Amino acid sequence: MFRKIISFALLFIAVFSLAGQEKKANPIPDIRQGNKLFNGQKYEEAEIWYRKAIEKDPKNKEAVYNLGTAQYQQKKFDDAIESFKKSAENYSTKSEGIDAVKMKAASYHNLGNAHLMKKDAEKAIDAYKK
């Protein structure tokens, strides 16, 4: 009888502890939708979907980079600069391999382009050097 009570208590605790845990939302479908819209040159709508993905996972590297690209295409250069800075910070070149190195370089390159569009050659050059 004592075993049944203990088993029931453990089951009860397990069920309620799992019920209290939130399931992390998946940003991938939002990124895919944003990519479809971006490819259709619907940059403003793509930006909305990338932001949704970032709300679900603020450190999602692809969403942050793509957000910057969508903002750049809309000529929102100040916003794009902030997004590309975050994107570059998100990539660790040593621990994540060659793809991370490429994406970090692309982030800095696009950061430079955004500064150049704002006629800030000095900041553009600094970004290109990184």
Protein backbone atom coordinates (compact mmCIF):
# COMPACT_ATOMS: atom_id res chain seq x y z
CA MET A 1 0.00 0.00 0.00
CA PHE A 2 2.81 2.37 0.92
CA ARG A 3 4.43 1.74 -2.49
CA LYS A 4 1.20 2.71 -4.27
CA ILE A 5 1.02 5.98 -2.35
CA ILE A 6 4.65 6.81 -3.14
CA SER A 7 4.18 5.88 -6.81
CA PHE A 8 1.04 8.01 -7.02
CA ALA A 9 2.81 10.95 -5.33
CA LEU A 10 5.76 10.74 -7.72
CA LEU A 11 3.45 10.53 -10.72
CA PHE A 12 1.47 13.51 -9.40
CA ILE A 13 4.66 15.57 -8.97
CA ALA A 14 5.97 14.61 -12.40
CA VAL A 15 2.73 15.55 -14.17
CA PHE A 16 2.46 18.94 -12.51
CA SER A 17 6.13 19.78 -12.96
CA LEU A 18 5.85 19.06 -16.70
CA ALA A 19 2.65 21.08 -16.93
CA GLY A 20 4.47 24.11 -15.54
CA GLN A 21 7.20 24.02 -18.17
CA GLU A 22 6.64 26.11 -21.25
CA LYS A 23 7.43 24.58 -24.57
CA LYS A 24 9.81 26.80 -26.51
CA ALA A 25 8.19 28.08 -29.69
CA ASN A 26 9.81 27.08 -32.96
CA PRO A 27 10.97 30.07 -35.05
CA ILE A 28 11.75 28.04 -38.19
CA PRO A 29 8.28 28.31 -39.83
CA ASP A 30 8.35 32.08 -39.36
CA ILE A 31 11.81 32.31 -40.93
CA ARG A 32 10.67 30.21 -43.87
CA GLN A 33 7.63 32.43 -44.39
CA GLY A 34 9.86 35.50 -44.19
CA ASN A 35 12.22 33.97 -46.75
CA LYS A 36 9.35 33.30 -49.17
CA LEU A 37 8.18 36.89 -48.87
CA PHE A 38 11.74 38.22 -49.17
CA ASN A 39 12.29 36.18 -52.34
CA GLY A 40 9.07 37.70 -53.69
CA GLN A 41 10.50 41.16 -52.91
CA LYS A 42 7.92 41.74 -50.18
CA TYR A 43 10.50 43.07 -47.78
CA GLU A 44 8.15 44.81 -45.36
CA GLU A 45 6.10 41.64 -44.88
CA ALA A 46 9.27 39.55 -44.60
CA GLU A 47 10.48 41.86 -41.83
CA ILE A 48 7.31 41.13 -39.85
CA TRP A 49 7.89 37.36 -40.06
CA TYR A 50 11.55 37.66 -39.11
CA ARG A 51 10.54 39.71 -36.08
CA LYS A 52 8.05 37.00 -35.11
CA ALA A 53 10.85 34.45 -35.28
CA ILE A 54 13.08 36.66 -33.12
CA GLU A 55 10.30 37.00 -30.53
CA LYS A 56 10.29 33.22 -30.25
CA ASP A 57 14.09 32.92 -30.19
CA PRO A 58 15.97 36.23 -29.79
CA LYS A 59 19.33 34.56 -30.46
CA ASN A 60 18.29 32.90 -33.71
CA LYS A 61 21.15 33.85 -35.98
CA GLU A 62 19.37 33.36 -39.28
CA ALA A 63 16.36 35.44 -38.25
CA VAL A 64 18.51 38.34 -37.01
CA TYR A 65 20.66 38.36 -40.17
CA ASN A 66 17.64 38.09 -42.46
CA LEU A 67 15.90 40.90 -40.57
CA GLY A 68 18.85 43.16 -41.32
CA THR A 69 18.75 42.21 -44.98
CA ALA A 70 15.01 42.94 -45.22
CA GLN A 71 15.53 46.30 -43.50
CA TYR A 72 18.40 47.14 -45.84
CA GLN A 73 16.22 46.40 -48.87
CA GLN A 74 13.62 48.82 -47.50
CA LYS A 75 16.34 51.46 -47.07
CA LYS A 76 15.90 51.36 -43.28
CA PHE A 77 19.63 51.70 -42.87
CA ASP A 78 19.65 52.64 -39.16
CA ASP A 79 17.59 49.56 -38.33
CA ALA A 80 19.70 47.39 -40.64
CA ILE A 81 22.87 48.61 -38.91
CA GLU A 82 21.54 47.50 -35.53
CA SER A 83 20.44 44.13 -36.90
CA PHE A 84 23.77 43.46 -38.61
CA LYS A 85 25.65 44.41 -35.43
CA LYS A 86 23.57 41.87 -33.48
CA SER A 87 24.06 39.31 -36.22
CA ALA A 88 27.84 39.72 -36.17
CA GLU A 89 27.86 39.40 -32.36
CA ASN A 90 25.80 36.20 -32.55
CA TYR A 91 28.40 34.33 -34.59
CA SER A 92 31.37 32.88 -32.75
CA THR A 93 33.97 32.14 -35.39
CA LYS A 94 36.05 29.69 -33.37
CA SER A 95 33.47 27.32 -31.96
CA GLU A 96 30.99 27.10 -34.81
CA GLY A 97 33.12 26.34 -37.86
CA ILE A 98 33.43 27.79 -41.34
CA ASP A 99 29.75 28.63 -41.79
CA ALA A 100 29.88 30.87 -38.74
CA VAL A 101 33.00 32.57 -40.09
CA LYS A 102 31.22 33.23 -43.40
CA MET A 103 28.09 34.56 -41.72
CA LYS A 104 30.07 36.80 -39.38
CA ALA A 105 31.94 38.18 -42.41
CA ALA A 106 28.66 38.66 -44.32
CA SER A 107 27.18 40.48 -41.32
CA TYR A 108 30.12 42.90 -41.15
CA HIS A 109 30.10 43.34 -44.94
CA ASN A 110 26.40 44.25 -44.91
CA LEU A 111 26.97 46.48 -41.89
CA GLY A 112 29.59 48.31 -43.96
CA ASN A 113 27.18 48.59 -46.88
CA ALA A 114 24.49 50.09 -44.63
CA HIS A 115 26.97 52.65 -43.27
CA LEU A 116 28.04 53.46 -46.82
CA MET A 117 24.43 54.07 -47.84
CA LYS A 118 24.26 56.58 -44.96
CA LYS A 119 27.35 58.28 -46.39
CA ASP A 120 29.45 57.28 -43.40
CA ALA A 121 32.56 56.00 -45.13
CA GLU A 122 34.65 55.81 -41.94
CA LYS A 123 32.23 53.44 -40.17
CA ALA A 124 31.82 51.48 -43.40
CA ILE A 125 35.57 50.95 -43.65
CA ASP A 126 35.72 49.88 -39.99
CA ALA A 127 32.99 47.31 -40.59
CA TYR A 128 34.68 46.00 -43.75
CA LYS A 129 37.95 45.55 -41.83
CA LYS A 130 36.33 43.23 -39.31
